[in-house]
Structures are given as C-alpha cells and as structure tokens.
C-alpha cells in the first residue's frame, strides 16, 4: 500500500533547512501517501519509527533517515552535484503537493470547477518555478483550437482530477528517465567511443507479479502482459535456445516440453488487430464507449482460443494467460489509455524558469544523452590541452602560477570507509541486538489472508 520509497526517504531524512525550502509536511498530509490508512497526525518521524501499530508509512526494522543518507551518497558517487540533488528533491516535493490539489463544482447547474484549497497553488508554483496564474488555468481549463479561433473550455470534475494526476505521473516518469540517462552517462568512458566496443549501461525492470483479483482493470492488464512477455523471454532463452545449443553440441539430453505463449502475446500486441492497438483506435474516437470497445474486441477475436467473452451481458473479457485465465473489466480502459499530459500542461512546464524542469519536458531523452556525451568530450579535450600547457610551462620553468592540486585517484577512495557505510554496519549490528528483537504486538498477517485484503481494497476503490 506504500508509494515510491524515495518520498518516505525525503520526508524522514531532510534537514530542517530542506524541510522549509521544499515545504515538506508529514506523510498523512499528502493524498498520494495516505489514501488507504487514515490515522491521526503524528508530530515527528520518531513517532513513525517507534509506533507499534502497522501502517503504510514505515516498515518494521527500517531506518528511513539512514536510507536517505545512503541515497545521497549514491547520487554523489555517480556525479550528481548538490544543486542537482536539491532540484530532484524539490521536484519530488512538487509532485506530492500537486496531489493535494482538490476540486469542487462552482454551482450545481454549471459544469465549471474551482480549486478547493488555493493555498496549495503558491507552493506548487514556487517549487516548479512557473507562474501561479498559468498553473491555475492549466489545472481547471483546456485550450482548444478550432478553425480561426481559440476556445478555453472548463474541465469537468473527473477530467480535472485526471489531468492533475497525469501531470504528477508524467513529471515523475520524466525525472526517472532523466536519472537513468544521467547514470548511463556517468558509466561512459573513452573506450566506448571506439568502434565494436560494448557500451556499459543500466536498465531498470520494476514490475508487480502476475495477479488475478476479483476486479481487474487496465493497470492489471498491463502488469499481466508484462509478465506474459517475461515468460516468453524465459521460454525462448531457457528452453528453446538452450536446448537447441545442447543438440548442436551433441549433448545427451531429454527434451523438455513447454507451453509456447506467443499466440497470447500476439493477441494483445500484434499489429494491426492486437487488443492494445484496437484500444488505441477506440481511445481516439470521441463517441466511443465501453461497449464499442468490447464489440471491436469480439469482432476481431471471437474465434481466438486465447480470449473469451462472458455469456452474460458483462462489460468484460477473459484472457487465457500462461498462468491461467483472468477476467478484465473494460470500465475506464479508454480513459486510462489516454492518461497523459495535455499540451497545456506541457507548455506550462516548458515555461518554468528552472532549466532543470523545462529541459526534462517535451524533449527526446536520447538526444539529451547524445548532447551530454558530445559536451563531455569537448570539455575533456579542452581540459587535456590546458593540462598539457601547464606541464610544458612547469618543465621549462615559466609557470608563475601555483601548481595545480593533485586529485585523489579512485583507488584512494574507499566506499567501505565512508561514514554512511559505517553507519550501515552499525544499524545491521543493532538489528541483531535487542532494539529490534522484540515480540510483535500484532502477529504477521498470514499470506492466505493477503489476497483477501487486496480484494477488499479493490472493492473499496470501485
């Protein structure tokens, strides 16, 4: 039930100066962190660390302040300067505050809306460095260009909430992509510029497991499809290719039969009639409904053995996955499929006075990465030439300036001796001792009960 770990690290570990600069609050005060567990507001993070009652803000045995220090150290080691780290944390705070913006209808007769808590706007505006008036307009109205004129139309209540959440999710996604590219840039070395050299890089795979709840919507459809693709990859590399290699080498081997799930993947993603492509089509039709989407699925795939449609008039379909059958309700499929930042929001963020934010939005991250590589190359070349000049001046005795400082080599820096790492060892030792070796007042929830809890949460969200 928790959100991304970094939010809790920031709220627990930020200094008093950072708390003021980023307008940080307690976790219960953020909608994005407090949608399930509703508890009285506690005064400090010490109350979370030693509270015996379980909640979604802390985990038994963890030290969030220490985790924040380790995060800062990791960012420092891959070259994130203090200014960059502050910009990242400021943006994370803006995302949390953005989720606190709530709406209300102006009148019962009119569809136009207003913001219930306008005091949040100046905070978000300051953190994103955009004009408050532009932020307000982008969150409550949309601009539509027709032939010869520009229309400004108010959002309906549900539309405004979707736009707000899309803006928050898109900001987080853009920040995530930017961090991955920056780390890949840090891994680059001179050999990578040579031909036929394998470039070091990282990628991130972070998904939930395959699940089948009582109610499965678009998110679960995407999660299960990701698992379907992973299963296909496993089949290809562990069963098909490995066994072919064994046969080629003449190894005595009993062939292992496996279920090929290629047809299921084609049903979902193959162009032009895969379910995802049909969904894209329906998402672009203003008059489309849940029923028209379901009818299109039936028309294209009624004879496909990997999809079924309930006999009763139910807006749902059933996919035969590698792990079993799962029924998906098509409610909100189209809306969630078009959950992205509108041009108005993109224009707002591009207008930010903060180059870090405006540079992340609406640009190609690959192009940014290539430009960073090129810029780093020329900086290195200039630095090399300057170092050569200084070396020549020193040898000929014409250097009137003080000798340049000798930089520490990477070999002289021991991560194991860093104070944060030393504190990690202390915490591990402390966990073995009596502080965390206490009897739980509440026994752990049996695994068999957890699925029931998830089902209950799914029902509450409907």
Protein backbone atom coordinates (compact mmCIF):
# COMPACT_ATOMS: atom_id res chain seq x y z
CA UNK A 1 0.00 0.00 0.00
CA UNK A 2 3.06 2.29 0.06
CA UNK A 3 4.06 4.72 -2.66
CA UNK A 4 7.60 5.02 -4.04
CA UNK A 5 10.29 4.68 -1.35
CA UNK A 6 12.02 7.95 -2.21
CA UNK A 7 9.08 10.01 -0.91
CA UNK A 8 9.43 8.49 2.56
CA UNK A 9 13.21 8.84 2.47
CA UNK A 10 12.86 12.54 1.71
CA UNK A 11 10.21 13.25 4.35
CA UNK A 12 12.16 11.39 7.05
CA UNK A 13 15.72 12.42 6.21
CA UNK A 14 15.53 16.03 5.01
CA UNK A 15 17.26 18.64 7.15
CA UNK A 16 15.32 21.47 8.72
CA UNK A 17 16.58 23.82 6.02
CA UNK A 18 15.41 21.41 3.31
CA UNK A 19 12.04 20.95 5.01
CA UNK A 20 11.46 24.70 4.82
CA UNK A 21 12.83 25.06 1.28
CA UNK A 22 10.75 22.18 -0.10
CA UNK A 23 7.66 22.88 2.07
CA UNK A 24 7.71 19.32 3.39
CA UNK A 25 4.89 18.00 5.59
CA UNK A 26 4.09 14.81 7.46
CA UNK A 27 3.09 11.82 5.29
CA UNK A 28 -0.55 11.83 6.43
CA UNK A 29 -0.90 15.29 4.91
CA UNK A 30 -0.24 14.04 1.37
CA UNK A 31 -3.06 12.50 -0.63
CA UNK A 32 -0.65 10.38 -2.67
CA UNK A 33 0.73 8.80 0.51
CA UNK A 34 -2.45 8.49 2.55
CA UNK A 35 -5.30 7.06 0.50
CA UNK A 36 -5.84 3.83 2.46
CA UNK A 37 -4.53 4.23 6.00
CA UNK A 38 -6.24 7.08 7.82
CA UNK A 39 -4.64 7.76 11.21
CA UNK A 40 -4.21 10.80 13.48
CA UNK A 41 -1.41 13.16 12.50
CA UNK A 42 1.82 12.49 14.38
CA UNK A 43 4.27 15.25 15.20
CA UNK A 44 7.59 13.84 14.01
CA UNK A 45 9.17 10.89 12.25
CA UNK A 46 10.23 9.46 15.62
CA UNK A 47 6.54 8.69 16.17
CA UNK A 48 6.56 6.57 13.00
CA UNK A 49 9.76 4.74 13.77
CA UNK A 50 8.68 3.53 17.20
CA UNK A 51 4.92 3.21 16.76
CA UNK A 52 3.94 -0.41 17.27
CA UNK A 53 0.82 -0.21 15.09
CA UNK A 54 1.45 -1.18 11.44
CA UNK A 55 0.78 1.42 8.75
CA UNK A 56 1.84 2.20 5.19
CA UNK A 57 4.37 4.87 6.22
CA UNK A 58 7.01 2.73 7.88
CA UNK A 59 8.27 -0.85 7.84
CA UNK A 60 9.50 -2.68 10.90
CA UNK A 61 13.28 -2.56 11.18
CA UNK A 62 13.94 0.10 8.53
CA UNK A 63 15.72 3.39 9.16
CA UNK A 64 14.42 5.94 6.67
CA UNK A 65 16.82 8.69 7.72
CA UNK A 66 19.74 6.39 7.12
CA UNK A 67 18.28 5.28 3.78
CA UNK A 68 18.09 8.94 2.74
CA UNK A 69 21.78 9.38 3.62
CA UNK A 70 22.68 6.32 1.56
CA UNK A 71 20.62 7.68 -1.35
CA UNK A 72 22.51 10.99 -1.15
CA UNK A 73 25.82 9.14 -1.10
CA UNK A 74 24.86 7.02 -4.11
CA UNK A 75 23.84 10.13 -6.07
CA UNK A 76 27.11 11.81 -5.14
CA UNK A 77 29.14 8.83 -6.31
CA UNK A 78 27.60 8.89 -9.81
CA UNK A 79 28.26 12.60 -10.17
CA UNK A 80 25.05 14.32 -9.04
CA UNK A 81 26.13 17.71 -7.71
CA UNK A 82 24.44 19.19 -4.58
CA UNK A 83 22.48 21.63 -6.76
CA UNK A 84 21.18 18.77 -8.91
CA UNK A 85 20.16 16.76 -5.86
CA UNK A 86 18.24 19.75 -4.50
CA UNK A 87 16.44 20.17 -7.82
CA UNK A 88 15.43 16.50 -7.79
CA UNK A 89 14.09 16.65 -4.24
CA UNK A 90 12.28 19.91 -4.94
CA UNK A 91 10.54 18.29 -7.90
CA UNK A 92 9.55 15.28 -5.77
CA UNK A 93 8.01 17.64 -3.22
CA UNK A 94 6.13 19.44 -6.01
CA UNK A 95 4.65 16.11 -7.13
CA UNK A 96 3.40 15.37 -3.61
CA UNK A 97 1.86 18.83 -3.22
CA UNK A 98 0.30 18.58 -6.67
CA UNK A 99 -1.63 15.53 -5.49
CA UNK A 100 -3.13 17.60 -2.66
CA UNK A 101 -4.95 19.94 -5.04
CA UNK A 102 -8.68 19.18 -4.84
CA UNK A 103 -11.61 20.48 -6.86
CA UNK A 104 -15.24 21.47 -6.40
CA UNK A 105 -18.07 22.49 -8.69
CA UNK A 106 -18.79 26.21 -8.72
CA UNK A 107 -22.56 25.74 -8.89
CA UNK A 108 -24.95 22.81 -9.11
CA UNK A 109 -26.12 23.88 -12.56
CA UNK A 110 -22.75 24.65 -14.09
CA UNK A 111 -20.04 22.12 -15.01
CA UNK A 112 -17.24 24.63 -14.33
CA UNK A 113 -14.98 23.90 -11.38
CA UNK A 114 -12.76 25.66 -8.87
CA UNK A 115 -9.89 24.62 -6.61
CA UNK A 116 -10.96 23.97 -3.01
CA UNK A 117 -7.56 24.69 -1.44
CA UNK A 118 -5.95 27.54 -3.40
CA UNK A 119 -3.26 27.85 -0.71
CA UNK A 120 -1.51 24.85 -2.31
CA UNK A 121 -1.06 26.66 -5.64
CA UNK A 122 1.69 29.09 -4.50
CA UNK A 123 3.69 26.15 -3.11
CA UNK A 124 3.50 24.13 -6.34
CA UNK A 125 4.15 27.28 -8.34
CA UNK A 126 7.28 28.05 -6.30
CA UNK A 127 8.64 24.51 -6.47
CA UNK A 128 8.06 24.22 -10.25
CA UNK A 129 9.04 27.88 -10.82
CA UNK A 130 6.02 28.61 -13.00
CA UNK A 131 3.53 31.46 -12.81
CA UNK A 132 0.70 30.77 -10.38
CA UNK A 133 -1.97 32.12 -12.75
CA UNK A 134 -0.78 29.85 -15.57
CA UNK A 135 -0.75 26.88 -13.20
CA UNK A 136 -4.33 27.56 -12.13
CA UNK A 137 -5.55 27.93 -15.72
CA UNK A 138 -3.84 24.73 -16.83
CA UNK A 139 -5.41 22.75 -13.97
CA UNK A 140 -9.01 23.92 -14.44
CA UNK A 141 -9.37 24.70 -18.18
CA UNK A 142 -8.21 23.37 -21.52
CA UNK A 143 -7.44 25.30 -24.69
CA UNK A 144 -8.93 24.02 -27.93
CA UNK A 145 -8.05 25.48 -31.32
CA UNK A 146 -10.77 25.38 -33.98
CA UNK A 147 -10.94 26.97 -37.40
CA UNK A 148 -10.00 30.60 -36.91
CA UNK A 149 -10.44 30.77 -33.14
CA UNK A 150 -9.12 29.51 -29.82
CA UNK A 151 -11.58 28.22 -27.22
CA UNK A 152 -10.99 27.96 -23.49
CA UNK A 153 -13.26 25.29 -22.01
CA UNK A 154 -13.60 24.34 -18.33
CA UNK A 155 -12.78 20.82 -17.26
CA UNK A 156 -15.43 18.67 -15.70
CA UNK A 157 -14.64 17.48 -12.19
CA UNK A 158 -13.45 13.99 -13.18
CA UNK A 159 -11.42 15.40 -16.11
CA UNK A 160 -9.60 17.86 -13.83
CA UNK A 161 -8.61 15.09 -11.40
CA UNK A 162 -7.28 13.03 -14.32
CA UNK A 163 -5.25 15.99 -15.63
CA UNK A 164 -3.78 16.65 -12.17
CA UNK A 165 -2.77 13.02 -11.70
CA UNK A 166 -1.41 12.78 -15.26
CA UNK A 167 0.76 15.82 -14.63
CA UNK A 168 2.16 14.29 -11.43
CA UNK A 169 2.80 10.89 -13.02
CA UNK A 170 4.39 12.41 -16.13
CA UNK A 171 6.72 14.55 -14.01
CA UNK A 172 7.82 11.53 -12.02
CA UNK A 173 8.29 9.48 -15.21
CA UNK A 174 10.35 12.24 -16.85
CA UNK A 175 12.53 12.54 -13.74
CA UNK A 176 13.04 8.77 -13.63
CA UNK A 177 14.11 8.65 -17.29
CA UNK A 178 16.44 11.61 -16.79
CA UNK A 179 18.16 9.94 -13.81
CA UNK A 180 18.69 6.69 -15.74
CA UNK A 181 20.26 8.57 -18.66
CA UNK A 182 22.49 10.58 -16.32
CA UNK A 183 23.73 7.39 -14.66
CA UNK A 184 24.43 5.85 -18.07
CA UNK A 185 26.36 8.98 -18.94
CA UNK A 186 28.44 8.56 -15.78
CA UNK A 187 29.28 4.98 -16.83
CA UNK A 188 30.63 6.14 -20.18
CA UNK A 189 34.39 6.05 -20.76
CA UNK A 190 36.78 6.80 -23.60
CA UNK A 191 36.76 3.21 -24.89
CA UNK A 192 33.04 3.49 -25.55
CA UNK A 193 33.81 5.95 -28.36
CA UNK A 194 35.71 3.25 -30.26
CA UNK A 195 34.01 1.03 -32.79
CA UNK A 196 33.00 -2.51 -31.89
CA UNK A 197 33.14 -1.68 -28.18
CA UNK A 198 30.27 -2.70 -25.96
CA UNK A 199 28.99 0.32 -24.06
CA UNK A 200 28.24 -0.07 -20.37
CA UNK A 201 24.70 0.91 -19.45
CA UNK A 202 21.96 0.15 -16.97
CA UNK A 203 18.29 -0.52 -17.40
CA UNK A 204 15.52 -0.86 -14.88
CA UNK A 205 12.85 -3.54 -14.74
CA UNK A 206 10.38 -2.94 -11.92
CA UNK A 207 7.02 -4.68 -12.19
CA UNK A 208 4.44 -6.32 -9.99
CA UNK A 209 3.83 -10.05 -10.11
CA UNK A 210 1.15 -11.79 -12.12
CA UNK A 211 -2.16 -11.44 -10.24
CA UNK A 212 -5.84 -12.23 -10.62
CA UNK A 213 -8.08 -10.16 -8.36
CA UNK A 214 -11.84 -10.10 -8.12
CA UNK A 215 -11.77 -6.88 -10.16
CA UNK A 216 -9.00 -6.44 -12.74
CA UNK A 217 -8.75 -3.17 -14.65
CA UNK A 218 -6.36 -1.60 -17.16
CA UNK A 219 -3.40 -1.45 -14.75
CA UNK A 220 -3.59 -5.17 -14.01
CA UNK A 221 -3.94 -5.87 -17.73
CA UNK A 222 -0.63 -4.06 -18.35
CA UNK A 223 1.09 -5.78 -15.42
CA UNK A 224 0.00 -9.23 -16.52
CA UNK A 225 1.02 -8.52 -20.11
CA UNK A 226 4.50 -7.54 -18.88
CA UNK A 227 4.68 -10.86 -17.05
CA UNK A 228 3.49 -12.63 -20.19
CA UNK A 229 6.39 -11.10 -22.10
CA UNK A 230 8.86 -12.11 -19.39
CA UNK A 231 7.56 -15.67 -19.54
CA UNK A 232 8.03 -15.64 -23.33
CA UNK A 233 11.60 -14.40 -22.91
CA UNK A 234 12.25 -17.15 -20.38
CA UNK A 235 10.78 -19.77 -22.72
CA UNK A 236 12.93 -18.62 -25.63
CA UNK A 237 16.23 -18.39 -23.78
CA UNK A 238 15.99 -21.17 -21.23
CA UNK A 239 14.03 -23.79 -23.14
CA UNK A 240 14.19 -23.17 -26.89
CA UNK A 241 17.66 -21.70 -27.47
CA UNK A 242 19.45 -23.63 -24.72
CA UNK A 243 18.05 -26.96 -25.86
CA UNK A 244 18.98 -26.17 -29.46
CA UNK A 245 22.53 -25.46 -28.26
CA UNK A 246 22.64 -28.78 -26.42
CA UNK A 247 21.52 -30.66 -29.53
CA UNK A 248 24.08 -28.84 -31.68
CA UNK A 249 26.87 -29.84 -29.31
CA UNK A 250 25.68 -33.44 -29.23
CA UNK A 251 24.89 -33.45 -25.54
CA UNK A 252 22.68 -36.30 -24.39
CA UNK A 253 19.51 -34.51 -23.37
CA UNK A 254 15.86 -35.32 -22.70
CA UNK A 255 13.84 -32.63 -24.44
CA UNK A 256 11.66 -30.55 -22.09
CA UNK A 257 8.25 -29.63 -23.40
CA UNK A 258 6.96 -26.17 -22.58
CA UNK A 259 3.90 -24.10 -23.36
CA UNK A 260 4.59 -21.51 -26.06
CA UNK A 261 2.67 -18.32 -25.21
CA UNK A 262 3.46 -16.49 -28.47
CA UNK A 263 -0.21 -16.59 -29.54
CA UNK A 264 -1.30 -14.85 -26.34
CA UNK A 265 1.26 -12.08 -26.86
CA UNK A 266 0.15 -11.65 -30.48
CA UNK A 267 -3.47 -11.39 -29.34
CA UNK A 268 -2.58 -8.49 -27.07
CA UNK A 269 0.08 -6.60 -29.01
CA UNK A 270 0.48 -7.68 -32.65
CA UNK A 271 -0.40 -5.03 -35.22
CA UNK A 272 -2.90 -4.18 -36.51
CA UNK A 273 -5.56 -6.15 -34.62
CA UNK A 274 -3.95 -6.69 -31.21
CA UNK A 275 -6.06 -5.61 -28.25
CA UNK A 276 -3.75 -2.71 -27.41
CA UNK A 277 -3.94 -1.35 -30.96
CA UNK A 278 -7.74 -1.69 -31.04
CA UNK A 279 -7.81 0.14 -27.72
CA UNK A 280 -5.72 2.96 -29.19
CA UNK A 281 -8.21 3.29 -32.05
CA UNK A 282 -11.22 3.48 -29.74
CA UNK A 283 -9.44 5.94 -27.44
CA UNK A 284 -9.23 8.40 -30.35
CA UNK A 285 -12.94 8.25 -31.19
CA UNK A 286 -14.96 10.86 -29.19
CA UNK A 287 -18.16 8.81 -29.46
CA UNK A 288 -16.57 5.53 -28.34
CA UNK A 289 -17.92 3.72 -25.28
CA UNK A 290 -17.02 0.68 -23.23
CA UNK A 291 -19.44 -1.34 -25.32
CA UNK A 292 -17.99 -0.24 -28.67
CA UNK A 293 -14.54 -1.24 -27.41
CA UNK A 294 -15.82 -4.65 -26.36
CA UNK A 295 -17.66 -5.09 -29.67
CA UNK A 296 -14.42 -4.37 -31.55
CA UNK A 297 -12.59 -6.98 -29.47
CA UNK A 298 -15.32 -9.53 -30.24
CA UNK A 299 -15.43 -8.75 -33.94
CA UNK A 300 -11.68 -9.26 -34.39
CA UNK A 301 -11.00 -12.14 -31.99
CA UNK A 302 -14.20 -14.08 -31.40
CA UNK A 303 -12.60 -17.24 -32.87
CA UNK A 304 -9.33 -16.83 -30.95
CA UNK A 305 -8.91 -19.53 -28.30
CA UNK A 306 -6.90 -17.20 -26.06
CA UNK A 307 -9.80 -14.81 -25.41
CA UNK A 308 -13.31 -15.42 -24.12
CA UNK A 309 -16.33 -13.23 -23.53
CA UNK A 310 -18.72 -13.82 -20.60
CA UNK A 311 -22.08 -15.30 -21.58
CA UNK A 312 -23.99 -12.70 -19.57
CA UNK A 313 -24.10 -9.06 -20.66
CA UNK A 314 -20.98 -8.09 -18.71
CA UNK A 315 -18.53 -5.39 -19.92
CA UNK A 316 -15.54 -7.69 -19.61
CA UNK A 317 -13.30 -10.13 -21.45
CA UNK A 318 -11.17 -13.08 -20.33
CA UNK A 319 -7.56 -13.70 -21.39
CA UNK A 320 -6.01 -17.17 -21.23
CA UNK A 321 -2.56 -16.29 -19.84
CA UNK A 322 0.32 -18.69 -19.32
CA UNK A 323 -0.53 -18.66 -15.59
CA UNK A 324 -4.29 -19.06 -16.01
CA UNK A 325 -7.43 -17.21 -17.07
CA UNK A 326 -8.00 -13.63 -15.90
CA UNK A 327 -11.16 -11.58 -16.41
CA UNK A 328 -10.74 -7.85 -17.11
CA UNK A 329 -13.46 -5.24 -16.83
CA UNK A 330 -13.25 -2.71 -19.68
CA UNK A 331 -14.50 0.16 -17.49
CA UNK A 332 -12.06 3.10 -17.73
CA UNK A 333 -9.81 1.27 -20.23
CA UNK A 334 -10.09 4.10 -22.76
CA UNK A 335 -9.67 6.90 -20.21
CA UNK A 336 -6.62 5.30 -18.62
CA UNK A 337 -5.09 4.58 -22.02
CA UNK A 338 -5.14 8.32 -22.84
CA UNK A 339 -3.80 9.31 -19.43
CA UNK A 340 -1.07 11.72 -20.50
CA UNK A 341 -0.13 15.38 -20.16
CA UNK A 342 -2.18 17.73 -22.28
CA UNK A 343 -0.35 20.31 -24.43
CA UNK A 344 -1.45 23.00 -21.94
CA UNK A 345 0.43 21.26 -19.12
CA UNK A 346 3.50 20.68 -21.32
CA UNK A 347 3.54 24.38 -22.27
CA UNK A 348 3.22 25.35 -18.61
CA UNK A 349 6.21 23.23 -17.56
CA UNK A 350 8.29 24.33 -20.53
CA UNK A 351 7.75 27.91 -19.31
CA UNK A 352 9.44 27.13 -15.98
CA UNK A 353 12.30 29.41 -15.01
CA UNK A 354 14.06 26.30 -13.74
CA UNK A 355 16.13 24.95 -16.64
CA UNK A 356 16.21 21.52 -14.98
CA UNK A 357 12.39 21.20 -15.16
CA UNK A 358 11.84 22.87 -18.53
CA UNK A 359 14.64 20.78 -20.05
CA UNK A 360 13.08 17.50 -18.94
CA UNK A 361 9.69 18.13 -20.51
CA UNK A 362 8.84 17.62 -24.16
CA UNK A 363 12.30 16.64 -25.36
CA UNK A 364 13.88 13.45 -26.59
CA UNK A 365 15.97 11.93 -23.75
CA UNK A 366 18.17 10.11 -26.27
CA UNK A 367 19.04 13.45 -27.88
CA UNK A 368 19.83 14.88 -24.44
CA UNK A 369 22.09 11.94 -23.71
CA UNK A 370 23.97 12.30 -27.02
CA UNK A 371 24.41 16.03 -26.45
CA UNK A 372 25.75 15.35 -22.95
CA UNK A 373 28.28 12.89 -24.38
CA UNK A 374 29.39 15.40 -27.01
CA UNK A 375 29.65 18.20 -24.45
CA UNK A 376 31.65 16.00 -22.07
CA UNK A 377 34.03 15.06 -24.89
CA UNK A 378 34.84 18.69 -25.74
CA UNK A 379 35.20 19.61 -22.08
CA UNK A 380 37.62 16.74 -21.59
CA UNK A 381 39.57 17.74 -24.71
CA UNK A 382 39.92 21.34 -23.52
CA UNK A 383 40.95 20.21 -20.04
CA UNK A 384 43.55 17.86 -21.55
CA UNK A 385 45.07 20.65 -23.65
CA UNK A 386 45.21 23.01 -20.66
CA UNK A 387 46.89 20.31 -18.58
CA UNK A 388 49.46 19.84 -21.37
CA UNK A 389 50.23 23.56 -21.43
CA UNK A 390 50.72 23.63 -17.67
CA UNK A 391 53.01 20.59 -17.86
CA UNK A 392 55.19 22.25 -20.52
CA UNK A 393 55.34 25.51 -18.54
CA UNK A 394 56.38 23.61 -15.42
CA UNK A 395 59.19 21.76 -17.23
CA UNK A 396 60.55 24.94 -18.87
CA UNK A 397 60.30 26.89 -15.64
CA UNK A 398 57.91 29.52 -16.99
CA UNK A 399 55.00 28.65 -14.75
CA UNK A 400 54.33 31.61 -12.48
CA UNK A 401 51.14 30.16 -11.09
CA UNK A 402 50.79 27.78 -8.17
CA UNK A 403 50.94 24.09 -9.10
CA UNK A 404 47.55 22.59 -9.71
CA UNK A 405 46.14 20.36 -6.97
CA UNK A 406 46.65 16.64 -7.34
CA UNK A 407 43.31 14.94 -7.50
CA UNK A 408 42.66 11.84 -5.44
CA UNK A 409 42.60 8.71 -7.52
CA UNK A 410 39.55 6.49 -7.37
CA UNK A 411 41.75 3.82 -5.75
CA UNK A 412 42.38 6.08 -2.76
CA UNK A 413 38.64 6.42 -2.09
CA UNK A 414 37.26 3.53 -0.14
CA UNK A 415 33.49 3.30 -0.07
CA UNK A 416 33.77 0.97 2.90
CA UNK A 417 35.35 3.75 4.97
CA UNK A 418 32.62 6.28 4.20
CA UNK A 419 30.68 7.37 7.34
CA UNK A 420 27.34 6.40 5.81
CA UNK A 421 28.59 2.89 5.09
CA UNK A 422 29.99 2.64 8.60
CA UNK A 423 26.60 3.65 9.92
CA UNK A 424 25.03 0.90 7.79
CA UNK A 425 27.17 -1.65 9.58
CA UNK A 426 26.15 -0.18 12.93
CA UNK A 427 22.47 -0.45 12.02
CA UNK A 428 22.88 -4.05 10.92
CA UNK A 429 24.56 -4.83 14.22
CA UNK A 430 21.85 -3.00 16.14
CA UNK A 431 19.19 -5.04 14.36
CA UNK A 432 20.81 -8.16 15.79
CA UNK A 433 20.58 -6.75 19.28
CA UNK A 434 17.63 -6.05 21.49
CA UNK A 435 16.27 -2.90 19.82
CA UNK A 436 14.51 -4.77 17.04
CA UNK A 437 14.49 -8.14 18.76
CA UNK A 438 11.08 -7.52 20.32
CA UNK A 439 7.90 -9.51 20.32
CA UNK A 440 5.38 -8.16 17.85
CA UNK A 441 2.18 -6.98 19.49
CA UNK A 442 0.30 -7.86 16.34
CA UNK A 443 1.19 -11.15 14.62
CA UNK A 444 2.05 -11.02 10.92
CA UNK A 445 -0.87 -11.38 8.56
CA UNK A 446 -0.96 -14.89 7.04
CA UNK A 447 -0.18 -14.96 3.32
CA UNK A 448 -3.53 -16.62 2.66
CA UNK A 449 -5.31 -13.55 4.05
CA UNK A 450 -3.39 -11.00 2.00
CA UNK A 451 -5.22 -11.77 -1.26
CA UNK A 452 -8.48 -11.24 0.55
CA UNK A 453 -7.22 -7.86 1.77
CA UNK A 454 -6.24 -6.91 -1.76
CA UNK A 455 -9.66 -7.91 -2.98
CA UNK A 456 -11.26 -5.76 -0.30
CA UNK A 457 -9.11 -2.79 -1.30
CA UNK A 458 -10.07 -3.30 -4.95
CA UNK A 459 -13.75 -3.23 -3.96
CA UNK A 460 -13.30 -0.04 -1.96
CA UNK A 461 -11.69 1.68 -4.90
CA UNK A 462 -14.54 0.93 -7.27
